[in-house]
Amino acid sequence: MWRTLFVALGVMAIILGIEFLFIDSATLYDPDTVRTVGMVDTSSVTGNAAKEFRPKDWMPWALLSGGVVTIVYSYLIPIRYRSWRQNA
């Protein structure tokens, strides 16, 4: 069960890192102040409802490497634990 959780977190970190490689910025809208029509026609959205997110240069690489390390360790730690238990 725990291995599945860690693999899922690692995969999500990798996906987010790949997305950050392809975008320069993302505009995030506050769902309380924006109606569904405002999501299609952004000219009706006020300045306070929209926030721009720009990922730092290190973010994609940190997420990619963290995701890979999480996935690899989620498979290697149970193997190392079993061999340690057999030798002890």
PDB file of N, CA and C in Angstrom:
ATOM      1  N   MET A   1       0.818  -1.190   0.000  1.00  0.00           N
ATOM      2  CA  MET A   1       0.000   0.000   0.000  1.00  0.00           C
ATOM      3  C   MET A   1       0.867   1.260   0.000  1.00  0.00           C
ATOM      4  N   TRP A   2       1.883   1.298   0.877  1.00  0.00           N
ATOM      5  CA  TRP A   2       2.730   2.486   0.939  1.00  0.00           C
ATOM      6  C   TRP A   2       3.523   2.671  -0.340  1.00  0.00           C
ATOM      7  N   ARG A   3       3.939   1.552  -0.951  1.00  0.00           N
ATOM      8  CA  ARG A   3       4.709   1.645  -2.186  1.00  0.00           C
ATOM      9  C   ARG A   3       3.870   2.304  -3.269  1.00  0.00           C
ATOM     10  N   THR A   4       2.602   1.957  -3.358  1.00  0.00           N
ATOM     11  CA  THR A   4       1.719   2.548  -4.358  1.00  0.00           C
ATOM     12  C   THR A   4       1.570   4.045  -4.141  1.00  0.00           C
ATOM     13  N   LEU A   5       1.464   4.471  -2.894  1.00  0.00           N
ATOM     14  CA  LEU A   5       1.346   5.886  -2.582  1.00  0.00           C
ATOM     15  C   LEU A   5       2.604   6.642  -3.006  1.00  0.00           C
ATOM     16  N   PHE A   6       3.771   6.086  -2.682  1.00  0.00           N
ATOM     17  CA  PHE A   6       5.012   6.765  -3.041  1.00  0.00           C
ATOM     18  C   PHE A   6       5.245   6.780  -4.549  1.00  0.00           C
ATOM     19  N   VAL A   7       4.865   5.717  -5.241  1.00  0.00           N
ATOM     20  CA  VAL A   7       4.981   5.710  -6.699  1.00  0.00           C
ATOM     21  C   VAL A   7       4.047   6.755  -7.300  1.00  0.00           C
ATOM     22  N   ALA A   8       2.839   6.873  -6.768  1.00  0.00           N
ATOM     23  CA  ALA A   8       1.893   7.875  -7.267  1.00  0.00           C
ATOM     24  C   ALA A   8       2.421   9.291  -7.030  1.00  0.00           C
ATOM     25  N   LEU A   9       2.990   9.549  -5.853  1.00  0.00           N
ATOM     26  CA  LEU A   9       3.568  10.865  -5.590  1.00  0.00           C
ATOM     27  C   LEU A   9       4.743  11.149  -6.514  1.00  0.00           C
ATOM     28  N   GLY A  10       5.568  10.144  -6.763  1.00  0.00           N
ATOM     29  CA  GLY A  10       6.690  10.313  -7.678  1.00  0.00           C
ATOM     30  C   GLY A  10       6.247  10.591  -9.096  1.00  0.00           C
ATOM     31  N   VAL A  11       5.229   9.885  -9.548  1.00  0.00           N
ATOM     32  CA  VAL A  11       4.706  10.106 -10.902  1.00  0.00           C
ATOM     33  C   VAL A  11       4.101  11.504 -11.028  1.00  0.00           C
ATOM     34  N   MET A  12       3.381  11.932 -10.009  1.00  0.00           N
ATOM     35  CA  MET A  12       2.808  13.286 -10.044  1.00  0.00           C
ATOM     36  C   MET A  12       3.898  14.347 -10.059  1.00  0.00           C
ATOM     37  N   ALA A  13       4.979  14.145  -9.311  1.00  0.00           N
ATOM     38  CA  ALA A  13       6.088  15.097  -9.326  1.00  0.00           C
ATOM     39  C   ALA A  13       6.741  15.140 -10.707  1.00  0.00           C
ATOM     40  N   ILE A  14       6.889  13.994 -11.345  1.00  0.00           N
ATOM     41  CA  ILE A  14       7.471  13.951 -12.688  1.00  0.00           C
ATOM     42  C   ILE A  14       6.562  14.657 -13.690  1.00  0.00           C
ATOM     43  N   ILE A  15       5.266  14.421 -13.621  1.00  0.00           N
ATOM     44  CA  ILE A  15       4.326  15.074 -14.538  1.00  0.00           C
ATOM     45  C   ILE A  15       4.348  16.586 -14.347  1.00  0.00           C
ATOM     46  N   LEU A  16       4.350  17.028 -13.101  1.00  0.00           N
ATOM     47  CA  LEU A  16       4.397  18.462 -12.824  1.00  0.00           C
ATOM     48  C   LEU A  16       5.714  19.073 -13.296  1.00  0.00           C
ATOM     49  N   GLY A  17       6.818  18.348 -13.121  1.00  0.00           N
ATOM     50  CA  GLY A  17       8.110  18.832 -13.605  1.00  0.00           C
ATOM     51  C   GLY A  17       8.149  18.958 -15.112  1.00  0.00           C
ATOM     52  N   ILE A  18       7.563  17.998 -15.822  1.00  0.00           N
ATOM     53  CA  ILE A  18       7.510  18.071 -17.289  1.00  0.00           C
ATOM     54  C   ILE A  18       6.632  19.236 -17.722  1.00  0.00           C
ATOM     55  N   GLU A  19       5.527  19.449 -17.038  1.00  0.00           N
ATOM     56  CA  GLU A  19       4.673  20.595 -17.367  1.00  0.00           C
ATOM     57  C   GLU A  19       5.409  21.911 -17.151  1.00  0.00           C
ATOM     58  N   PHE A  20       6.168  22.010 -16.070  1.00  0.00           N
ATOM     59  CA  PHE A  20       6.920  23.237 -15.797  1.00  0.00           C
ATOM     60  C   PHE A  20       8.009  23.472 -16.837  1.00  0.00           C
ATOM     61  N   LEU A  21       8.488  22.410 -17.488  1.00  0.00           N
ATOM     62  CA  LEU A  21       9.470  22.595 -18.559  1.00  0.00           C
ATOM     63  C   LEU A  21       8.851  23.278 -19.779  1.00  0.00           C
ATOM     64  N   PHE A  22       7.574  23.052 -20.012  1.00  0.00           N
ATOM     65  CA  PHE A  22       6.924  23.551 -21.217  1.00  0.00           C
ATOM     66  C   PHE A  22       6.227  24.892 -21.054  1.00  0.00           C
ATOM     67  N   ILE A  23       5.956  25.333 -19.834  1.00  0.00           N
ATOM     68  CA  ILE A  23       5.235  26.596 -19.661  1.00  0.00           C
ATOM     69  C   ILE A  23       6.176  27.694 -19.183  1.00  0.00           C
ATOM     70  N   ASP A  24       5.864  28.927 -19.558  1.00  0.00           N
ATOM     71  CA  ASP A  24       6.586  30.080 -19.034  1.00  0.00           C
ATOM     72  C   ASP A  24       5.843  30.682 -17.845  1.00  0.00           C
ATOM     73  N   SER A  25       4.514  30.671 -17.936  1.00  0.00           N
ATOM     74  CA  SER A  25       3.705  31.179 -16.836  1.00  0.00           C
ATOM     75  C   SER A  25       2.317  30.550 -16.919  1.00  0.00           C
ATOM     76  N   ALA A  26       1.635  30.604 -15.790  1.00  0.00           N
ATOM     77  CA  ALA A  26       0.265  30.096 -15.721  1.00  0.00           C
ATOM     78  C   ALA A  26      -0.584  31.125 -14.985  1.00  0.00           C
ATOM     79  N   THR A  27      -1.772  31.383 -15.500  1.00  0.00           N
ATOM     80  CA  THR A  27      -2.685  32.311 -14.860  1.00  0.00           C
ATOM     81  C   THR A  27      -3.693  31.511 -14.047  1.00  0.00           C
ATOM     82  N   LEU A  28      -3.738  31.789 -12.757  1.00  0.00           N
ATOM     83  CA  LEU A  28      -4.633  31.088 -11.840  1.00  0.00           C
ATOM     84  C   LEU A  28      -5.770  32.027 -11.460  1.00  0.00           C
ATOM     85  N   TYR A  29      -6.990  31.539 -11.571  1.00  0.00           N
ATOM     86  CA  TYR A  29      -8.180  32.335 -11.274  1.00  0.00           C
ATOM     87  C   TYR A  29      -8.778  31.899  -9.950  1.00  0.00           C
ATOM     88  N   ASP A  30      -9.265  32.844  -9.177  1.00  0.00           N
ATOM     89  CA  ASP A  30      -9.943  32.572  -7.919  1.00  0.00           C
ATOM     90  C   ASP A  30     -11.354  32.071  -8.228  1.00  0.00           C
ATOM     91  N   PRO A  31     -11.711  30.859  -7.834  1.00  0.00           N
ATOM     92  CA  PRO A  31     -13.025  30.315  -8.197  1.00  0.00           C
ATOM     93  C   PRO A  31     -14.194  31.038  -7.527  1.00  0.00           C
ATOM     94  N   ASP A  32     -13.941  31.749  -6.435  1.00  0.00           N
ATOM     95  CA  ASP A  32     -15.037  32.440  -5.757  1.00  0.00           C
ATOM     96  C   ASP A  32     -15.465  33.702  -6.508  1.00  0.00           C
ATOM     97  N   THR A  33     -14.551  34.343  -7.202  1.00  0.00           N
ATOM     98  CA  THR A  33     -14.870  35.611  -7.859  1.00  0.00           C
ATOM     99  C   THR A  33     -15.098  35.474  -9.355  1.00  0.00           C
ATOM    100  N   VAL A  34     -14.794  34.327  -9.929  1.00  0.00           N
ATOM    101  CA  VAL A  34     -14.938  34.144 -11.374  1.00  0.00           C
ATOM    102  C   VAL A  34     -16.109  33.209 -11.644  1.00  0.00           C
ATOM    103  N   ARG A  35     -17.004  33.641 -12.495  1.00  0.00           N
ATOM    104  CA  ARG A  35     -18.093  32.765 -12.936  1.00  0.00           C
ATOM    105  C   ARG A  35     -17.565  31.874 -14.046  1.00  0.00           C
ATOM    106  N   THR A  36     -18.350  30.883 -14.432  1.00  0.00           N
ATOM    107  CA  THR A  36     -17.911  29.970 -15.490  1.00  0.00           C
ATOM    108  C   THR A  36     -17.786  30.692 -16.818  1.00  0.00           C
ATOM    109  N   VAL A  37     -18.561  31.742 -17.020  1.00  0.00           N
ATOM    110  CA  VAL A  37     -18.450  32.508 -18.261  1.00  0.00           C
ATOM    111  C   VAL A  37     -17.110  33.234 -18.296  1.00  0.00           C
ATOM    112  N   GLY A  38     -16.633  33.678 -17.137  1.00  0.00           N
ATOM    113  CA  GLY A  38     -15.370  34.386 -17.074  1.00  0.00           C
ATOM    114  C   GLY A  38     -14.181  33.523 -17.436  1.00  0.00           C
ATOM    115  N   MET A  39     -14.298  32.214 -17.291  1.00  0.00           N
ATOM    116  CA  MET A  39     -13.205  31.334 -17.666  1.00  0.00           C
ATOM    117  C   MET A  39     -13.047  31.261 -19.174  1.00  0.00           C
ATOM    118  N   VAL A  40     -14.126  31.457 -19.910  1.00  0.00           N
ATOM    119  CA  VAL A  40     -14.056  31.430 -21.366  1.00  0.00           C
ATOM    120  C   VAL A  40     -13.672  32.803 -21.900  1.00  0.00           C
ATOM    121  N   ASP A  41     -14.311  33.834 -21.379  1.00  0.00           N
ATOM    122  CA  ASP A  41     -14.038  35.207 -21.800  1.00  0.00           C
ATOM    123  C   ASP A  41     -13.294  35.895 -20.661  1.00  0.00           C
ATOM    124  N   THR A  42     -11.972  35.956 -20.752  1.00  0.00           N
ATOM    125  CA  THR A  42     -11.166  36.490 -19.654  1.00  0.00           C
ATOM    126  C   THR A  42     -11.176  38.007 -19.588  1.00  0.00           C
ATOM    127  N   SER A  43     -11.840  38.681 -20.513  1.00  0.00           N
ATOM    128  CA  SER A  43     -11.887  40.139 -20.463  1.00  0.00           C
ATOM    129  C   SER A  43     -12.779  40.632 -19.319  1.00  0.00           C
ATOM    130  N   SER A  44     -13.688  39.788 -18.814  1.00  0.00           N
ATOM    131  CA  SER A  44     -14.580  40.184 -17.730  1.00  0.00           C
ATOM    132  C   SER A  44     -13.982  39.917 -16.348  1.00  0.00           C
ATOM    133  N   VAL A  45     -12.791  39.354 -16.290  1.00  0.00           N
ATOM    134  CA  VAL A  45     -12.169  39.006 -15.014  1.00  0.00           C
ATOM    135  C   VAL A  45     -11.406  40.211 -14.490  1.00  0.00           C
ATOM    136  N   THR A  46     -11.610  40.523 -13.214  1.00  0.00           N
ATOM    137  CA  THR A  46     -10.903  41.646 -12.609  1.00  0.00           C
ATOM    138  C   THR A  46      -9.461  41.254 -12.298  1.00  0.00           C
ATOM    139  N   GLY A  47      -8.642  42.250 -12.023  1.00  0.00           N
ATOM    140  CA  GLY A  47      -7.234  42.004 -11.742  1.00  0.00           C
ATOM    141  C   GLY A  47      -6.999  41.238 -10.461  1.00  0.00           C
ATOM    142  N   ASN A  48      -7.889  41.384  -9.481  1.00  0.00           N
ATOM    143  CA  ASN A  48      -7.714  40.691  -8.209  1.00  0.00           C
ATOM    144  C   ASN A  48      -8.043  39.208  -8.304  1.00  0.00           C
ATOM    145  N   ALA A  49      -8.835  38.815  -9.285  1.00  0.00           N
ATOM    146  CA  ALA A  49      -9.256  37.421  -9.404  1.00  0.00           C
ATOM    147  C   ALA A  49      -8.207  36.562 -10.086  1.00  0.00           C
ATOM    148  N   ALA A  50      -7.275  37.172 -10.813  1.00  0.00           N
ATOM    149  CA  ALA A  50      -6.283  36.410 -11.548  1.00  0.00           C
ATOM    150  C   ALA A  50      -4.898  36.628 -10.948  1.00  0.00           C
ATOM    151  N   LYS A  51      -4.179  35.520 -10.761  1.00  0.00           N
ATOM    152  CA  LYS A  51      -2.798  35.576 -10.295  1.00  0.00           C
ATOM    153  C   LYS A  51      -1.925  34.826 -11.281  1.00  0.00           C
ATOM    154  N   GLU A  52      -0.775  35.380 -11.555  1.00  0.00           N
ATOM    155  CA  GLU A  52       0.133  34.756 -12.506  1.00  0.00           C
ATOM    156  C   GLU A  52       1.230  34.017 -11.746  1.00  0.00           C
ATOM    157  N   PHE A  53       1.445  32.774 -12.137  1.00  0.00           N
ATOM    158  CA  PHE A  53       2.475  31.942 -11.527  1.00  0.00           C
ATOM    159  C   PHE A  53       3.575  31.699 -12.545  1.00  0.00           C
ATOM    160  N   ARG A  54       4.789  32.030 -12.188  1.00  0.00           N
ATOM    161  CA  ARG A  54       5.961  31.771 -13.032  1.00  0.00           C
ATOM    162  C   ARG A  54       6.891  30.821 -12.281  1.00  0.00           C
ATOM    163  N   PRO A  55       7.053  29.590 -12.787  1.00  0.00           N
ATOM    164  CA  PRO A  55       7.944  28.651 -12.092  1.00  0.00           C
ATOM    165  C   PRO A  55       9.402  29.106 -12.199  1.00  0.00           C
ATOM    166  N   LYS A  56      10.137  28.910 -11.137  1.00  0.00           N
ATOM    167  CA  LYS A  56      11.560  29.230 -11.128  1.00  0.00           C
ATOM    168  C   LYS A  56      12.301  28.272 -12.061  1.00  0.00           C
ATOM    169  N   ASP A  57      13.511  28.626 -12.421  1.00  0.00           N
ATOM    170  CA  ASP A  57      14.286  27.793 -13.349  1.00  0.00           C
ATOM    171  C   ASP A  57      14.639  26.432 -12.755  1.00  0.00           C
ATOM    172  N   TRP A  58      14.767  26.349 -11.453  1.00  0.00           N
ATOM    173  CA  TRP A  58      15.159  25.099 -10.816  1.00  0.00           C
ATOM    174  C   TRP A  58      13.975  24.176 -10.541  1.00  0.00           C
ATOM    175  N   MET A  59      12.758  24.671 -10.593  1.00  0.00           N
ATOM    176  CA  MET A  59      11.586  23.869 -10.209  1.00  0.00           C
ATOM    177  C   MET A  59      11.372  22.618 -11.064  1.00  0.00           C
ATOM    178  N   PRO A  60      11.430  22.705 -12.411  1.00  0.00           N
ATOM    179  CA  PRO A  60      11.182  21.471 -13.179  1.00  0.00           C
ATOM    180  C   PRO A  60      12.203  20.386 -12.880  1.00  0.00           C
ATOM    181  N   TRP A  61      13.461  20.783 -12.752  1.00  0.00           N
ATOM    182  CA  TRP A  61      14.511  19.787 -12.533  1.00  0.00           C
ATOM    183  C   TRP A  61      14.437  19.201 -11.133  1.00  0.00           C
ATOM    184  N   ALA A  62      14.069  20.012 -10.164  1.00  0.00           N
ATOM    185  CA  ALA A  62      13.922  19.500  -8.806  1.00  0.00           C
ATOM    186  C   ALA A  62      12.755  18.523  -8.709  1.00  0.00           C
ATOM    187  N   LEU A  63      11.641  18.841  -9.368  1.00  0.00           N
ATOM    188  CA  LEU A  63      10.489  17.942  -9.340  1.00  0.00           C
ATOM    189  C   LEU A  63      10.778  16.644 -10.093  1.00  0.00           C
ATOM    190  N   LEU A  64      11.441  16.753 -11.249  1.00  0.00           N
ATOM    191  CA  LEU A  64      11.782  15.542 -12.006  1.00  0.00           C
ATOM    192  C   LEU A  64      12.720  14.639 -11.212  1.00  0.00           C
ATOM    193  N   SER A  65      13.780  15.209 -10.651  1.00  0.00           N
ATOM    194  CA  SER A  65      14.733  14.378  -9.911  1.00  0.00           C
ATOM    195  C   SER A  65      14.114  13.843  -8.626  1.00  0.00           C
ATOM    196  N   GLY A  66      13.322  14.658  -7.932  1.00  0.00           N
ATOM    197  CA  GLY A  66      12.661  14.177  -6.725  1.00  0.00           C
ATOM    198  C   GLY A  66      11.678  13.058  -7.008  1.00  0.00           C
ATOM    199  N   GLY A  67      10.949  13.163  -8.120  1.00  0.00           N
ATOM    200  CA  GLY A  67      10.013  12.101  -8.492  1.00  0.00           C
ATOM    201  C   GLY A  67      10.715  10.805  -8.838  1.00  0.00           C
ATOM    202  N   VAL A  68      11.822  10.903  -9.574  1.00  0.00           N
ATOM    203  CA  VAL A  68      12.569   9.694  -9.944  1.00  0.00           C
ATOM    204  C   VAL A  68      13.163   9.043  -8.698  1.00  0.00           C
ATOM    205  N   VAL A  69      13.745   9.840  -7.818  1.00  0.00           N
ATOM    206  CA  VAL A  69      14.333   9.285  -6.596  1.00  0.00           C
ATOM    207  C   VAL A  69      13.257   8.636  -5.736  1.00  0.00           C
ATOM    208  N   THR A  70      12.090   9.244  -5.636  1.00  0.00           N
ATOM    209  CA  THR A  70      10.997   8.675  -4.843  1.00  0.00           C
ATOM    210  C   THR A  70      10.556   7.327  -5.408  1.00  0.00           C
ATOM    211  N   ILE A  71      10.421   7.236  -6.724  1.00  0.00           N
ATOM    212  CA  ILE A  71       9.999   5.970  -7.343  1.00  0.00           C
ATOM    213  C   ILE A  71      11.065   4.896  -7.163  1.00  0.00           C
ATOM    214  N   VAL A  72      12.322   5.243  -7.385  1.00  0.00           N
ATOM    215  CA  VAL A  72      13.393   4.253  -7.253  1.00  0.00           C
ATOM    216  C   VAL A  72      13.491   3.757  -5.821  1.00  0.00           C
ATOM    217  N   TYR A  73      13.458   4.664  -4.851  1.00  0.00           N
ATOM    218  CA  TYR A  73      13.553   4.232  -3.457  1.00  0.00           C
ATOM    219  C   TYR A  73      12.333   3.453  -3.000  1.00  0.00           C
ATOM    220  N   SER A  74      11.171   3.730  -3.567  1.00  0.00           N
ATOM    221  CA  SER A  74       9.995   2.961  -3.158  1.00  0.00           C
ATOM    222  C   SER A  74      10.122   1.498  -3.574  1.00  0.00           C
ATOM    223  N   TYR A  75      10.922   1.213  -4.583  1.00  0.00           N
ATOM    224  CA  TYR A  75      11.162  -0.176  -4.966  1.00  0.00           C
ATOM    225  C   TYR A  75      12.385  -0.766  -4.278  1.00  0.00           C
ATOM    226  N   LEU A  76      13.398   0.043  -3.996  1.00  0.00           N
ATOM    227  CA  LEU A  76      14.634  -0.494  -3.442  1.00  0.00           C
ATOM    228  C   LEU A  76      14.598  -0.699  -1.932  1.00  0.00           C
ATOM    229  N   ILE A  77      13.892   0.131  -1.195  1.00  0.00           N
ATOM    230  CA  ILE A  77      13.903   0.014   0.266  1.00  0.00           C
ATOM    231  C   ILE A  77      13.304  -1.308   0.738  1.00  0.00           C
ATOM    232  N   PRO A  78      12.172  -1.794   0.194  1.00  0.00           N
ATOM    233  CA  PRO A  78      11.679  -3.115   0.664  1.00  0.00           C
ATOM    234  C   PRO A  78      12.668  -4.243   0.346  1.00  0.00           C
ATOM    235  N   ILE A  79      13.371  -4.155  -0.773  1.00  0.00           N
ATOM    236  CA  ILE A  79      14.349  -5.192  -1.110  1.00  0.00           C
ATOM    237  C   ILE A  79      15.509  -5.156  -0.114  1.00  0.00           C
ATOM    238  N   ARG A  80      16.005  -3.962   0.204  1.00  0.00           N
ATOM    239  CA  ARG A  80      17.098  -3.830   1.167  1.00  0.00           C
ATOM    240  C   ARG A  80      16.646  -4.258   2.561  1.00  0.00           C
ATOM    241  N   TYR A  81      15.414  -3.963   2.911  1.00  0.00           N
ATOM    242  CA  TYR A  81      14.904  -4.342   4.232  1.00  0.00           C
ATOM    243  C   TYR A  81      14.813  -5.860   4.352  1.00  0.00           C
ATOM    244  N   ARG A  82      14.338  -6.529   3.296  1.00  0.00           N
ATOM    245  CA  ARG A  82      14.241  -7.987   3.330  1.00  0.00           C
ATOM    246  C   ARG A  82      15.614  -8.620   3.470  1.00  0.00           C
ATOM    247  N   SER A  83      16.600  -8.129   2.730  1.00  0.00           N
ATOM    248  CA  SER A  83      17.939  -8.709   2.828  1.00  0.00           C
ATOM    249  C   SER A  83      18.554  -8.412   4.196  1.00  0.00           C
ATOM    250  N   TRP A  84      18.243  -7.269   4.782  1.00  0.00           N
ATOM    251  CA  TRP A  84      18.756  -6.953   6.113  1.00  0.00           C
ATOM    252  C   TRP A  84      18.140  -7.875   7.157  1.00  0.00           C
ATOM    253  N   ARG A  85      16.832  -8.158   7.022  1.00  0.00           N
ATOM    254  CA  ARG A  85      16.151  -9.034   7.974  1.00  0.00           C
ATOM    255  C   ARG A  85      16.686 -10.469   7.891  1.00  0.00           C
ATOM    256  N   GLN A  86      17.049 -10.907   6.688  1.00  0.00           N
ATOM    257  CA  GLN A  86      17.569 -12.261   6.535  1.00  0.00           C
ATOM    258  C   GLN A  86      18.963 -12.393   7.125  1.00  0.00           C
ATOM    259  N   ASN A  87      19.767 -11.345   7.051  1.00  0.00           N
ATOM    260  CA  ASN A  87      21.133 -11.410   7.554  1.00  0.00           C
ATOM    261  C   ASN A  87      21.224 -11.158   9.060  1.00  0.00           C
ATOM    262  N   ALA A  88      20.214 -10.571   9.645  1.00  0.00           N
ATOM    263  CA  ALA A  88      20.280 -10.225  11.066  1.00  0.00           C
ATOM    264  C   ALA A  88      20.005 -11.385  11.970  1.00  0.00           C
TER     265      ALA A  88
END
